[in-house]
Protein backbone atom coordinates (compact mmCIF):
# COMPACT_ATOMS: atom_id res chain seq x y z
CA UNK A 1 -25.88 -22.63 10.13
CA UNK A 2 -25.09 -19.94 7.53
CA UNK A 3 -25.48 -16.30 8.45
CA UNK A 4 -27.91 -14.07 6.59
CA UNK A 5 -24.98 -12.49 4.73
CA UNK A 6 -23.74 -15.90 3.64
CA UNK A 7 -27.23 -16.76 2.41
CA UNK A 8 -27.39 -13.56 0.36
CA UNK A 9 -23.89 -14.13 -1.00
CA UNK A 10 -24.18 -17.84 -1.79
CA UNK A 11 -27.81 -18.95 -1.46
CA UNK A 12 -30.65 -19.01 -3.95
CA UNK A 13 -33.10 -16.18 -4.49
CA UNK A 14 -35.81 -18.20 -2.70
CA UNK A 15 -33.54 -18.65 0.32
CA UNK A 16 -32.92 -14.92 0.45
CA UNK A 17 -36.64 -14.27 0.17
CA UNK A 18 -37.36 -16.67 3.08
CA UNK A 19 -34.72 -15.19 5.37
CA UNK A 20 -36.05 -11.68 4.75
CA UNK A 21 -39.61 -12.87 5.36
CA UNK A 22 -38.46 -14.26 8.70
CA UNK A 23 -37.57 -10.75 9.85
CA UNK A 24 -33.92 -10.26 8.81
CA UNK A 25 -32.94 -6.60 8.65
CA UNK A 26 -32.10 -5.76 5.02
CA UNK A 27 -29.53 -3.24 6.29
CA UNK A 28 -27.84 -5.45 8.88
CA UNK A 29 -24.05 -4.97 8.73
CA UNK A 30 -21.46 -7.73 8.84
CA UNK A 31 -17.65 -7.79 8.74
CA UNK A 32 -16.21 -4.31 8.01
CA UNK A 33 -19.72 -2.91 7.75
CA UNK A 34 -20.72 -4.90 4.66
CA UNK A 35 -24.47 -4.71 4.13
CA UNK A 36 -26.75 -7.35 2.60
CA UNK A 37 -27.02 -5.24 -0.54
CA UNK A 38 -23.22 -5.28 -0.85
CA UNK A 39 -23.28 -9.07 -0.45
CA UNK A 40 -25.82 -9.26 -3.28
CA UNK A 41 -23.58 -7.06 -5.43
CA UNK A 42 -20.60 -9.32 -4.72
CA UNK A 43 -22.69 -12.35 -5.75
CA UNK A 44 -23.45 -10.70 -9.10
CA UNK A 45 -27.20 -11.23 -8.70
CA UNK A 46 -29.42 -8.43 -9.96
CA UNK A 47 -32.49 -10.28 -8.70
CA UNK A 48 -31.15 -10.38 -5.13
CA UNK A 49 -30.37 -6.67 -5.35
CA UNK A 50 -33.89 -5.87 -6.54
CA UNK A 51 -35.41 -8.01 -3.77
CA UNK A 52 -33.38 -6.28 -1.06
CA UNK A 53 -34.23 -2.85 -2.44
CA UNK A 54 -37.92 -3.78 -2.51
CA UNK A 55 -37.59 -4.76 1.14
CA UNK A 56 -36.20 -1.32 2.04
CA UNK A 57 -32.43 -1.80 1.85
CA UNK A 58 -30.69 1.59 1.86
CA UNK A 59 -28.53 1.86 -1.29
CA UNK A 60 -26.54 4.75 0.17
CA UNK A 61 -25.14 2.99 3.26
CA UNK A 62 -21.36 2.63 3.24
CA UNK A 63 -19.05 0.05 4.80
CA UNK A 64 -16.22 0.85 7.22
CA UNK A 65 -14.05 1.96 4.28
CA UNK A 66 -16.76 4.32 2.98
CA UNK A 67 -17.55 2.11 -0.01
CA UNK A 68 -21.22 2.10 -1.02
CA UNK A 69 -23.07 -0.60 -2.96
CA UNK A 70 -22.38 1.39 -6.14
CA UNK A 71 -18.69 1.52 -5.29
CA UNK A 72 -18.76 -2.24 -4.76
CA UNK A 73 -20.52 -2.78 -8.09
CA UNK A 74 -17.84 -0.73 -9.85
CA UNK A 75 -15.08 -2.62 -8.01
CA UNK A 76 -16.57 -5.97 -9.05
CA UNK A 77 -17.20 -4.88 -12.62
CA UNK A 78 -20.92 -5.62 -12.15
CA UNK A 79 -22.28 -3.32 -14.85
CA UNK A 80 -25.91 -4.41 -14.55
CA UNK A 81 -25.85 -3.83 -10.79
CA UNK A 82 -24.21 -0.43 -11.20
CA UNK A 83 -26.84 0.55 -13.77
CA UNK A 84 -29.64 -0.40 -11.38
CA UNK A 85 -28.20 1.80 -8.63
CA UNK A 86 -27.40 4.69 -10.94
CA UNK A 87 -30.98 4.60 -12.18
CA UNK A 88 -32.09 5.19 -8.59
CA UNK A 89 -30.02 8.37 -8.44
CA UNK A 90 -27.54 7.23 -5.78
CA UNK A 91 -24.47 9.32 -5.04
CA UNK A 92 -21.57 8.58 -7.40
CA UNK A 93 -18.90 9.38 -4.83
CA UNK A 94 -19.14 13.17 -4.79
CA UNK A 95 -21.72 14.00 -2.11
CA UNK A 96 -22.25 11.02 0.23
CA UNK A 97 -25.64 10.85 1.91
CA UNK A 98 -24.03 9.99 5.25
CA UNK A 99 -20.92 11.48 6.91
CA UNK A 100 -17.70 9.71 5.97
CA UNK A 101 -16.25 7.46 8.65
CA UNK A 102 -12.64 7.67 9.86
CA UNK A 103 -10.70 4.71 8.51
CA UNK A 104 -8.13 2.86 10.58
CA UNK A 105 -5.46 1.45 8.27
CA UNK A 106 -3.35 -1.35 9.80
CA UNK A 107 0.32 -0.47 10.10
CA UNK A 108 2.38 -2.35 7.54
CA UNK A 109 5.64 -3.89 8.78
CA UNK A 110 8.82 -2.30 7.37
CA UNK A 111 10.16 -4.01 4.28
CA UNK A 112 13.86 -4.43 3.33
CA UNK A 113 15.39 -1.95 0.93
CA UNK A 114 14.66 -3.28 -2.58
CA UNK A 115 17.71 -4.49 -4.50
CA UNK A 116 17.15 -2.11 -7.40
CA UNK A 117 17.25 0.87 -4.99
CA UNK A 118 20.39 -0.15 -3.16
CA UNK A 119 23.08 2.44 -3.73
CA UNK A 120 20.50 5.03 -4.77
CA UNK A 121 19.12 5.71 -1.30
CA UNK A 122 20.32 4.70 2.15
CA UNK A 123 18.50 2.27 4.47
CA UNK A 124 17.76 5.22 6.73
CA UNK A 125 16.11 7.12 3.85
CA UNK A 126 14.11 4.04 2.96
CA UNK A 127 12.91 3.75 6.57
CA UNK A 128 11.93 7.44 6.53
CA UNK A 129 9.95 6.85 3.33
CA UNK A 130 8.07 4.00 4.99
CA UNK A 131 7.32 6.15 8.05
CA UNK A 132 6.09 9.01 5.85
CA UNK A 133 3.80 6.64 3.97
CA UNK A 134 2.30 5.41 7.23
CA UNK A 135 1.73 8.99 8.40
CA UNK A 136 -0.01 9.79 5.12
CA UNK A 137 -2.28 6.75 5.46
CA UNK A 138 -3.16 7.79 8.99
CA UNK A 139 -3.96 11.32 7.83
CA UNK A 140 -6.13 10.00 4.99
CA UNK A 141 -7.93 7.76 7.44
CA UNK A 142 -8.52 10.53 9.94
CA UNK A 143 -9.83 12.93 7.30
CA UNK A 144 -11.37 10.83 4.52
CA UNK A 145 -12.50 12.59 1.35
CA UNK A 146 -15.21 11.61 -1.13
CA UNK A 147 -13.87 9.41 -3.93
CA UNK A 148 -15.72 9.36 -7.27
CA UNK A 149 -16.52 5.77 -8.21
CA UNK A 150 -15.32 6.36 -11.78
CA UNK A 151 -11.76 6.28 -10.44
CA UNK A 152 -12.18 2.50 -10.03
CA UNK A 153 -13.84 1.73 -13.37
CA UNK A 154 -12.05 -1.37 -14.64
CA UNK A 155 -13.66 -1.89 -18.03
CA UNK A 156 -14.84 0.09 -21.02
CA UNK A 157 -18.42 -1.07 -20.40
CA UNK A 158 -18.37 0.27 -16.83
CA UNK A 159 -16.69 3.48 -17.89
CA UNK A 160 -19.20 4.08 -20.68
CA UNK A 161 -22.07 3.57 -18.24
CA UNK A 162 -20.65 6.07 -15.75
CA UNK A 163 -19.90 8.64 -18.43
CA UNK A 164 -23.45 8.26 -19.76
CA UNK A 165 -24.66 9.17 -16.27
CA UNK A 166 -22.61 12.33 -16.25
CA UNK A 167 -19.31 11.27 -14.70
CA UNK A 168 -16.11 12.98 -15.77
CA UNK A 169 -14.17 10.79 -18.20
CA UNK A 170 -10.96 12.48 -17.10
CA UNK A 171 -11.16 10.86 -13.66
CA UNK A 172 -11.07 7.29 -15.01
CA UNK A 173 -7.99 5.03 -14.75
CA UNK A 174 -5.59 5.88 -17.55
CA UNK A 175 -5.47 2.48 -19.27
CA UNK A 176 -9.29 2.15 -19.32
CA UNK A 177 -9.65 5.72 -20.54
CA UNK A 178 -7.28 4.95 -23.41
CA UNK A 179 -9.31 1.87 -24.35
CA UNK A 180 -12.50 3.94 -24.24
CA UNK A 181 -11.20 6.45 -26.77
CA UNK A 182 -9.95 3.71 -29.08
CA UNK A 183 -6.26 3.49 -28.12
CA UNK A 184 -4.23 0.58 -26.79
CA UNK A 185 -4.43 0.50 -23.02
CA UNK A 186 -2.74 -1.83 -20.56
CA UNK A 187 -1.57 -1.23 -16.99
CA UNK A 188 2.20 -0.81 -16.58
CA UNK A 189 2.83 -1.60 -20.23
CA UNK A 190 6.52 -1.69 -21.20
CA UNK A 191 6.88 -1.69 -25.02
CA UNK A 192 9.94 -3.05 -26.80
CA UNK A 193 11.72 -1.68 -29.86
CA UNK A 194 9.52 -3.90 -32.04
CA UNK A 195 6.41 -2.10 -30.83
CA UNK A 196 7.60 1.17 -32.35
CA UNK A 197 6.94 1.70 -36.04
CA UNK A 198 9.16 4.77 -36.32
CA UNK A 199 12.85 4.68 -37.22
CA UNK A 200 15.73 6.05 -35.17
CA UNK A 201 15.78 8.98 -37.57
CA UNK A 202 12.07 9.59 -36.87
CA UNK A 203 12.80 9.50 -33.14
CA UNK A 204 15.59 12.04 -33.44
CA UNK A 205 13.46 14.39 -35.57
CA UNK A 206 10.37 14.12 -33.39
CA UNK A 207 11.84 13.76 -29.91
CA UNK A 208 11.31 17.41 -28.93
CA UNK A 209 8.18 19.40 -28.22
CA UNK A 210 7.50 22.03 -30.85
CA UNK A 211 4.80 24.65 -31.09
CA UNK A 212 2.59 25.10 -34.13
CA UNK A 213 3.41 27.77 -36.67
CA UNK A 214 -0.26 28.42 -37.51
CA UNK A 215 -3.56 28.29 -35.62
CA UNK A 216 -3.88 25.33 -35.98
CA UNK A 217 -0.94 23.38 -37.43
CA UNK A 218 -1.33 19.64 -38.04
CA UNK A 219 1.77 18.20 -36.40
CA UNK A 220 1.53 14.41 -36.71
CA UNK A 221 4.89 12.69 -37.17
CA UNK A 222 5.96 9.02 -36.87
CA UNK A 223 7.45 9.28 -33.36
CA UNK A 224 4.56 11.26 -31.89
CA UNK A 225 2.10 8.85 -33.52
CA UNK A 226 3.86 5.92 -31.83
CA UNK A 227 3.87 7.68 -28.46
CA UNK A 228 0.14 8.35 -28.69
CA UNK A 229 -0.66 4.85 -29.95
CA UNK A 230 1.41 3.10 -27.25
CA UNK A 231 0.99 5.50 -24.32
CA UNK A 232 4.62 5.00 -23.28
CA UNK A 233 6.45 7.46 -21.03
CA UNK A 234 9.41 9.57 -22.13
CA UNK A 235 11.97 7.67 -20.06
CA UNK A 236 10.98 4.34 -21.62
CA UNK A 237 11.08 5.80 -25.14
CA UNK A 238 14.58 7.18 -24.47
CA UNK A 239 15.77 3.77 -23.28
CA UNK A 240 14.31 2.07 -26.37
CA UNK A 241 16.23 4.51 -28.59
CA UNK A 242 19.26 4.74 -26.30
CA UNK A 243 21.69 4.76 -29.25
CA UNK A 244 20.28 8.11 -30.40
CA UNK A 245 21.46 11.21 -28.57
CA UNK A 246 18.71 13.78 -27.94
CA UNK A 247 18.11 16.45 -25.34
CA UNK A 248 15.36 16.38 -22.74
CA UNK A 249 12.46 16.72 -22.35
CA UNK A 250 11.47 13.98 -24.78
CA UNK A 251 8.00 14.48 -26.32
CA UNK A 252 5.49 12.32 -24.50
CA UNK A 253 1.76 11.56 -24.45
CA UNK A 254 1.78 9.91 -21.01
CA UNK A 255 0.29 12.91 -19.22
CA UNK A 256 -1.78 14.13 -16.33
CA UNK A 257 -3.75 17.33 -16.01
CA UNK A 258 -5.03 16.92 -19.57
CA UNK A 259 -8.71 16.80 -20.54
CA UNK A 260 -10.69 14.48 -22.80
CA UNK A 261 -14.05 15.61 -24.15
CA UNK A 262 -16.46 13.25 -25.89
CA UNK A 263 -18.13 14.85 -28.90
CA UNK A 264 -21.64 14.05 -30.07
CA UNK A 265 -20.35 12.33 -33.23
CA UNK A 266 -18.31 9.77 -31.26
CA UNK A 267 -14.95 11.52 -31.52
CA UNK A 268 -12.85 12.65 -28.56
CA UNK A 269 -10.80 15.82 -28.10
CA UNK A 270 -7.76 15.64 -25.82
CA UNK A 271 -6.09 18.89 -24.75
CA UNK A 272 -2.71 19.68 -23.20
CA UNK A 273 -1.53 18.19 -19.93
CA UNK A 274 1.92 17.67 -18.47
CA UNK A 275 4.43 14.85 -18.23
CA UNK A 276 6.28 14.28 -14.95
CA UNK A 277 6.82 16.85 -12.17
CA UNK A 278 8.78 20.07 -12.55
CA UNK A 279 12.01 18.61 -11.12
CA UNK A 280 12.19 15.77 -13.68
CA UNK A 281 14.31 16.20 -16.82
CA UNK A 282 11.34 15.15 -18.99
CA UNK A 283 8.92 17.57 -17.35
CA UNK A 284 6.93 19.40 -20.00
CA UNK A 285 3.54 21.13 -20.22
CA UNK A 286 1.91 20.82 -23.63
CA UNK A 287 -0.49 23.00 -25.62
CA UNK A 288 -1.49 20.52 -28.32
CA UNK A 289 -4.92 19.16 -29.25
CA UNK A 290 -5.37 15.53 -30.29
CA UNK A 291 -8.61 14.58 -32.04
CA UNK A 292 -9.39 10.86 -31.71
CA UNK A 293 -11.82 9.16 -34.08
CA UNK A 294 -12.72 6.57 -31.41
CA UNK A 295 -11.26 3.67 -33.42
CA UNK A 296 -7.54 4.26 -32.91
CA UNK A 297 -7.04 7.03 -35.46
CA UNK A 298 -6.08 10.57 -34.47
CA UNK A 299 -4.84 13.95 -35.65
CA UNK A 300 -2.47 16.17 -33.68
CA UNK A 301 -2.77 19.96 -33.82
CA UNK A 302 -0.22 22.44 -32.51
CA UNK A 303 -0.52 26.16 -31.83
CA UNK A 304 1.80 29.15 -31.50
CA UNK A 305 2.68 29.70 -27.86
CA UNK A 306 1.30 33.24 -27.91
CA UNK A 307 -2.05 31.91 -29.21
CA UNK A 308 -2.44 29.08 -26.71
CA UNK A 309 0.09 28.71 -23.88
CA UNK A 310 0.98 25.30 -22.38
CA UNK A 311 -2.05 24.23 -20.38
CA UNK A 312 -2.67 21.68 -17.63
CA UNK A 313 -5.28 21.08 -14.91
CA UNK A 314 -7.84 23.11 -16.84
CA UNK A 315 -11.43 22.12 -17.61
CA UNK A 316 -12.95 21.50 -21.02
CA UNK A 317 -16.66 22.16 -21.48
CA UNK A 318 -18.53 21.34 -24.67
CA UNK A 319 -20.97 24.07 -25.76
CA UNK A 320 -22.51 23.75 -29.23
CA UNK A 321 -19.61 23.68 -31.73
CA UNK A 322 -16.94 24.82 -29.26
CA UNK A 323 -15.02 23.54 -26.26
CA UNK A 324 -14.36 26.16 -23.58
CA UNK A 325 -10.99 25.67 -21.84
CA UNK A 326 -11.04 27.37 -18.45
CA UNK A 327 -8.20 27.80 -15.96
CA UNK A 328 -4.87 25.96 -15.73
CA UNK A 329 -1.75 25.74 -13.59
CA UNK A 330 0.80 26.24 -16.36
CA UNK A 331 4.37 27.45 -16.16
CA UNK A 332 5.16 30.05 -13.46
CA UNK A 333 5.93 32.76 -16.00
CA UNK A 334 2.47 32.37 -17.54
CA UNK A 335 0.48 32.71 -14.32
CA UNK A 336 -1.48 35.88 -13.61
CA UNK A 337 -2.86 35.69 -10.07
CA UNK A 338 -6.40 37.06 -9.92
CA UNK A 339 -6.98 36.45 -13.64
CA UNK A 340 -8.87 33.49 -15.12
CA UNK A 341 -7.70 32.27 -18.54
CA UNK A 342 -10.48 31.22 -20.93
CA UNK A 343 -9.95 29.82 -24.42
CA UNK A 344 -12.40 28.57 -27.02
CA UNK A 345 -11.56 25.61 -29.27
CA UNK A 346 -13.61 25.65 -32.47
CA UNK A 347 -14.70 22.19 -33.59
CA UNK A 348 -15.23 23.29 -37.19
CA UNK A 349 -11.57 24.08 -37.91
CA UNK A 350 -9.72 23.25 -34.61
CA UNK A 351 -8.62 26.85 -34.22
CA UNK A 352 -8.22 28.27 -30.71
CA UNK A 353 -9.06 31.81 -29.63
CA UNK A 354 -8.63 33.66 -26.35
CA UNK A 355 -11.94 34.72 -24.82
CA UNK A 356 -11.91 38.11 -23.11
CA UNK A 357 -14.07 37.90 -20.01
CA UNK A 358 -15.02 40.50 -17.41
CA UNK A 359 -16.54 40.71 -13.96
CA UNK A 360 -15.62 38.91 -10.75
CA UNK A 361 -13.14 36.31 -11.99
CA UNK A 362 -12.48 33.30 -9.74
CA UNK A 363 -8.70 33.77 -10.12
CA UNK A 364 -5.96 31.55 -11.54
CA UNK A 365 -7.92 28.35 -10.91
CA UNK A 366 -6.77 24.80 -11.54
CA UNK A 367 -7.91 21.26 -10.65
CA UNK A 368 -11.47 22.60 -10.55
CA UNK A 369 -14.76 21.34 -12.01
CA UNK A 370 -16.93 22.91 -14.68
CA UNK A 371 -20.41 22.23 -16.06
CA UNK A 372 -22.58 23.92 -18.67
CA UNK A 373 -26.13 24.98 -17.81
CA UNK A 374 -27.93 25.37 -21.16
CA UNK A 375 -31.01 26.96 -19.58
CA UNK A 376 -29.01 29.82 -18.10
CA UNK A 377 -26.30 29.73 -20.81
CA UNK A 378 -23.56 29.75 -18.18
CA UNK A 379 -20.56 27.59 -17.32
CA UNK A 380 -20.30 27.02 -13.57
CA UNK A 381 -16.92 26.29 -12.03
CA UNK A 382 -16.25 25.16 -8.48
CA UNK A 383 -13.69 23.42 -6.31
CA UNK A 384 -10.02 23.09 -7.10
CA UNK A 385 -7.29 25.53 -6.14
CA UNK A 386 -6.35 29.13 -6.88
CA UNK A 387 -2.71 30.10 -7.51
CA UNK A 388 -1.89 33.24 -5.55
CA UNK A 389 1.69 33.58 -6.73
CA UNK A 390 3.63 33.13 -9.94
CA UNK A 391 6.37 31.38 -7.96
CA UNK A 392 7.13 27.67 -8.14
CA UNK A 393 5.83 25.65 -6.51
CA UNK A 394 2.60 27.59 -6.73
CA UNK A 395 1.26 29.14 -3.56
CA UNK A 396 -2.40 28.23 -3.74
CA UNK A 397 -5.56 28.26 -1.72
CA UNK A 398 -8.73 26.23 -2.02
CA UNK A 399 -11.29 27.77 -4.33
CA UNK A 400 -14.46 28.68 -2.44
CA UNK A 401 -18.01 28.78 -3.71
CA UNK A 402 -19.17 28.70 -7.30
CA UNK A 403 -18.40 31.12 -10.11
CA UNK A 404 -20.48 31.45 -13.26
CA UNK A 405 -19.34 32.60 -16.68
CA UNK A 406 -22.29 34.03 -18.61
CA UNK A 407 -21.67 33.05 -22.22
CA UNK A 408 -24.00 35.76 -23.49
CA UNK A 409 -22.20 38.67 -21.82
CA UNK A 410 -18.87 36.92 -21.10
CA UNK A 411 -19.04 38.23 -17.53
CA UNK A 412 -18.13 36.31 -14.39
CA UNK A 413 -20.41 36.45 -11.39
CA UNK A 414 -20.79 34.83 -8.00
CA UNK A 415 -24.24 33.32 -7.59
CA UNK A 416 -25.76 32.25 -4.24
CA UNK A 417 -24.12 29.08 -2.89
CA UNK A 418 -25.17 26.02 -4.87
CA UNK A 419 -23.83 22.57 -5.74
CA UNK A 420 -22.27 21.74 -9.09
């Protein structure tokens, strides 16, 4: 005889209705804490979801891995189901209704040293890497953290829905984010020489990062255009053009710590970011702005370093005809502990200006969040880290509380504790 979860997952709507009428608990858990509502999500039936919700199913309950029905809908690419739950105002992975549960990850057996790593590291180092990974999994399981569901968006349709409900586009998977803004996007894509339109001469001329001479300077060139269009990393580009000798770092658009802001006219503005970590030969922090038309076209703007320093892990907040760029990690020599950098990108001419602010600054913040409150005319920032030293790696502490930048007076203040 099928269980109630099997009936919800595989049976008809009438069968589900009968089993609920017979007294089945709409929140009864099954294997790994899966609820009936999660089974309905997995079945792709919006009618079963609505029936369970009408019967009192709790849409905020999570399974043993802290995945909610909304998280399941995102995982399954069930856009209609996700929209139903979002319309109810469920948590999107930021502030769970119930305390997160510790997660016990099964220990994976050691694997042999891969052939392509033999000679690069020793078997003992490989074993230490495996042990470190297991320790990290255990730590993550013991102290789970909220995970925004947008991180698992697997399609443009799902991503658009989540962004429409206020989620941060910058937290989406890179290949889906690229598709959303009109670029080619594919996981682990490895382009060949034929995919590049530029010549070897174009590669040699455009391989290096260069700052703009004016504020702004349009800096499109054939190699940069290819790198943006393809999303390839610097190492792969160097291997494609291996016959051409250039110095590192090679200019690259495969970045993290950048921001993408959707404009009201359908365009997107992408700012800065870094490629690779500081110890890699292709490590570079950028200060450019790329304006995407949403259909695969784009313009690249550069700026003098003294006008707009290389910027990563900042926030970008759209206010009227400007984007406010707040905070960053940046290069060690640019950091000013205790100070909060604020820049304003003008959408009318793409010029950037430094904004002089006053008051109780939140410090050299990075990896934080920001949101504009039009009623109070303030930008609120919270979370993230604060660099307390100009050294590298940065000595940082967790940012506490919320700070507000009043756009009328350009003064920072610390309001009473509130959520963002």
